[in-house]
């Protein structure tokens, strides 16, 4: 039995059996660790030597040529059956005080007719003249009168 104790690695002065390194298993593990470290060093080195990406602006998209752009209304008198003021006789501020709103109509051909509606205009007269000038069907004149009356009520102070 004494021989069995010697082989087990007891503390009686004899070394224990330890690992048998002759098979090379630990050698392969160590070799893989070294390869992985070398690969990590190469990746870090390549990343440091790499040029930073260019920061150029993205190419601009072409604008849509057929898209209408917003144009703010101007103080020019509109062409239409509305009462026209002579610009030489009254200043532009007087025109601004009399104008309630601008009526615009686009027909099937894409032509736009404009009309300035003044405070003292009669909706029935305006609608009849505007419909005749623009070629609006007679059945729609009543709807136009109603719409002009509603807009005038909104804006009269």
Protein backbone atom coordinates (compact mmCIF):
# COMPACT_ATOMS: atom_id res chain seq x y z
CA UNK A 1 0.00 0.00 0.00
CA UNK A 2 2.90 2.28 0.51
CA UNK A 3 3.61 2.17 -3.17
CA UNK A 4 0.12 3.31 -3.98
CA UNK A 5 0.50 6.39 -1.78
CA UNK A 6 3.64 7.41 -3.55
CA UNK A 7 1.92 7.53 -6.89
CA UNK A 8 -0.96 9.67 -5.68
CA UNK A 9 1.09 12.77 -4.97
CA UNK A 10 0.99 12.81 -1.19
CA UNK A 11 3.24 15.13 0.76
CA UNK A 12 5.90 12.62 1.63
CA UNK A 13 8.56 14.20 -0.60
CA UNK A 14 7.73 12.62 -3.93
CA UNK A 15 6.30 14.68 -6.82
CA UNK A 16 2.83 13.80 -8.05
CA UNK A 17 2.12 12.48 -11.50
CA UNK A 18 1.18 16.01 -12.90
CA UNK A 19 0.26 16.48 -16.54
CA UNK A 20 1.74 14.34 -19.20
CA UNK A 21 2.95 16.91 -21.75
CA UNK A 22 4.18 14.36 -24.24
CA UNK A 23 0.86 14.20 -26.09
CA UNK A 24 1.14 17.90 -27.24
CA UNK A 25 -2.42 18.97 -26.33
CA UNK A 26 -1.31 22.00 -24.32
CA UNK A 27 1.22 22.81 -27.03
CA UNK A 28 -1.61 23.14 -29.60
CA UNK A 29 -3.63 25.37 -27.27
CA UNK A 30 -0.65 27.66 -26.73
CA UNK A 31 0.06 27.73 -30.47
CA UNK A 32 -3.58 28.81 -31.20
CA UNK A 33 -3.34 31.56 -28.56
CA UNK A 34 -0.20 32.95 -30.19
CA UNK A 35 -1.85 32.87 -33.64
CA UNK A 36 -4.93 34.70 -32.29
CA UNK A 37 -2.75 37.38 -30.67
CA UNK A 38 -0.82 37.87 -33.93
CA UNK A 39 -4.09 38.20 -35.88
CA UNK A 40 -5.44 40.79 -33.40
CA UNK A 41 -2.21 42.80 -33.74
CA UNK A 42 -2.50 42.75 -37.54
CA UNK A 43 -6.12 43.91 -37.44
CA UNK A 44 -5.28 46.76 -35.03
CA UNK A 45 -2.30 47.78 -37.16
CA UNK A 46 -4.40 47.77 -40.38
CA UNK A 47 -7.10 49.80 -38.68
CA UNK A 48 -4.61 52.44 -37.55
CA UNK A 49 -2.99 52.73 -40.99
CA UNK A 50 -6.32 52.99 -42.77
CA UNK A 51 -7.25 56.46 -44.09
CA UNK A 52 -10.34 58.02 -42.52
CA UNK A 53 -13.45 57.87 -44.71
CA UNK A 54 -14.13 60.87 -46.93
CA UNK A 55 -16.78 63.18 -45.63
CA UNK A 56 -18.18 64.60 -48.83
CA UNK A 57 -21.79 65.71 -49.02
CA UNK A 58 -24.27 63.42 -50.65
CA UNK A 59 -25.11 64.30 -54.24
CA UNK A 60 -28.02 66.67 -54.49
CA UNK A 61 -31.20 65.26 -55.90
CA UNK A 62 -32.47 66.96 -59.02
CA UNK A 63 -35.40 69.27 -58.43
CA UNK A 64 -38.70 68.38 -59.96
CA UNK A 65 -39.15 70.86 -62.79
CA UNK A 66 -42.90 70.34 -63.01
CA UNK A 67 -43.48 71.02 -59.32
CA UNK A 68 -44.97 74.46 -58.71
CA UNK A 69 -43.14 76.61 -56.20
CA UNK A 70 -45.01 78.84 -53.79
CA UNK A 71 -45.04 82.47 -54.89
CA UNK A 72 -46.41 84.91 -52.31
CA UNK A 73 -49.25 87.12 -53.53
CA UNK A 74 -48.30 90.52 -54.84
CA UNK A 75 -50.14 93.83 -54.71
CA UNK A 76 -50.74 93.99 -58.44
CA UNK A 77 -54.34 94.41 -59.60
CA UNK A 78 -55.86 91.27 -61.07
CA UNK A 79 -57.38 91.00 -64.50
CA UNK A 80 -61.08 90.27 -64.31
CA UNK A 81 -64.51 91.79 -64.01
CA UNK A 82 -63.80 93.32 -60.61
CA UNK A 83 -63.86 97.06 -60.16
CA UNK A 84 -60.47 98.34 -61.17
CA UNK A 85 -58.82 101.19 -59.38
CA UNK A 86 -56.64 103.66 -61.19
CA UNK A 87 -53.20 103.33 -59.61
CA UNK A 88 -52.36 106.97 -60.31
CA UNK A 89 -55.43 108.34 -58.52
CA UNK A 90 -55.27 106.27 -55.31
CA UNK A 91 -52.22 104.99 -53.44
CA UNK A 92 -51.57 101.26 -53.03
CA UNK A 93 -52.66 101.36 -49.38
CA UNK A 94 -56.18 102.36 -50.44
CA UNK A 95 -56.27 99.34 -52.73
CA UNK A 96 -55.15 97.11 -49.87
CA UNK A 97 -57.96 98.42 -47.69
CA UNK A 98 -60.62 97.75 -50.33
CA UNK A 99 -59.46 94.27 -51.42
CA UNK A 100 -61.01 91.43 -49.44
CA UNK A 101 -59.45 88.49 -51.26
CA UNK A 102 -58.17 87.25 -54.60
CA UNK A 103 -60.26 84.73 -56.47
CA UNK A 104 -58.34 82.40 -58.81
CA UNK A 105 -59.78 79.87 -61.23
CA UNK A 106 -57.86 77.33 -63.30
CA UNK A 107 -59.69 75.96 -66.32
CA UNK A 108 -59.18 72.60 -68.02
CA UNK A 109 -56.42 74.00 -70.24
CA UNK A 110 -54.43 75.15 -67.21
CA UNK A 111 -55.10 78.87 -67.76
CA UNK A 112 -55.50 80.77 -64.50
CA UNK A 113 -57.96 83.65 -64.23
CA UNK A 114 -57.59 86.03 -61.30
CA UNK A 115 -60.04 88.44 -59.74
CA UNK A 116 -59.70 90.87 -56.85
CA UNK A 117 -62.89 90.98 -54.80
CA UNK A 118 -63.47 94.36 -53.17
CA UNK A 119 -65.53 95.21 -50.08
CA UNK A 120 -68.40 96.85 -51.96
CA UNK A 121 -68.69 94.24 -54.76
CA UNK A 122 -71.95 92.37 -55.32
CA UNK A 123 -71.34 88.57 -55.28
CA UNK A 124 -74.03 87.93 -57.93
CA UNK A 125 -72.55 90.42 -60.40
CA UNK A 126 -69.00 89.25 -59.81
CA UNK A 127 -69.93 85.58 -60.21
CA UNK A 128 -71.93 86.21 -63.41
CA UNK A 129 -69.18 88.29 -65.05
CA UNK A 130 -66.39 85.95 -63.92
CA UNK A 131 -68.28 82.87 -65.12
CA UNK A 132 -68.89 84.45 -68.52
CA UNK A 133 -65.27 85.52 -68.87
CA UNK A 134 -63.84 82.15 -67.80
CA UNK A 135 -66.40 79.97 -69.57
CA UNK A 136 -67.81 78.47 -66.38
CA UNK A 137 -71.07 76.58 -66.95
CA UNK A 138 -74.25 78.37 -65.80
CA UNK A 139 -75.15 75.59 -63.38
CA UNK A 140 -72.01 76.37 -61.34
CA UNK A 141 -72.63 80.11 -61.02
CA UNK A 142 -74.87 79.65 -57.94
CA UNK A 143 -72.12 77.68 -56.22
CA UNK A 144 -69.65 80.43 -57.10
CA UNK A 145 -72.01 83.08 -55.67
CA UNK A 146 -72.34 81.08 -52.46
CA UNK A 147 -68.58 80.66 -52.15
CA UNK A 148 -67.92 84.38 -52.74
CA UNK A 149 -70.57 85.30 -50.14
CA UNK A 150 -68.98 82.96 -47.58
CA UNK A 151 -65.50 84.38 -48.17
CA UNK A 152 -66.80 87.95 -47.95
CA UNK A 153 -68.55 87.20 -44.63
CA UNK A 154 -65.31 85.79 -43.23
CA UNK A 155 -63.30 88.86 -44.14
CA UNK A 156 -65.68 91.75 -43.51
CA UNK A 157 -64.89 93.41 -40.21
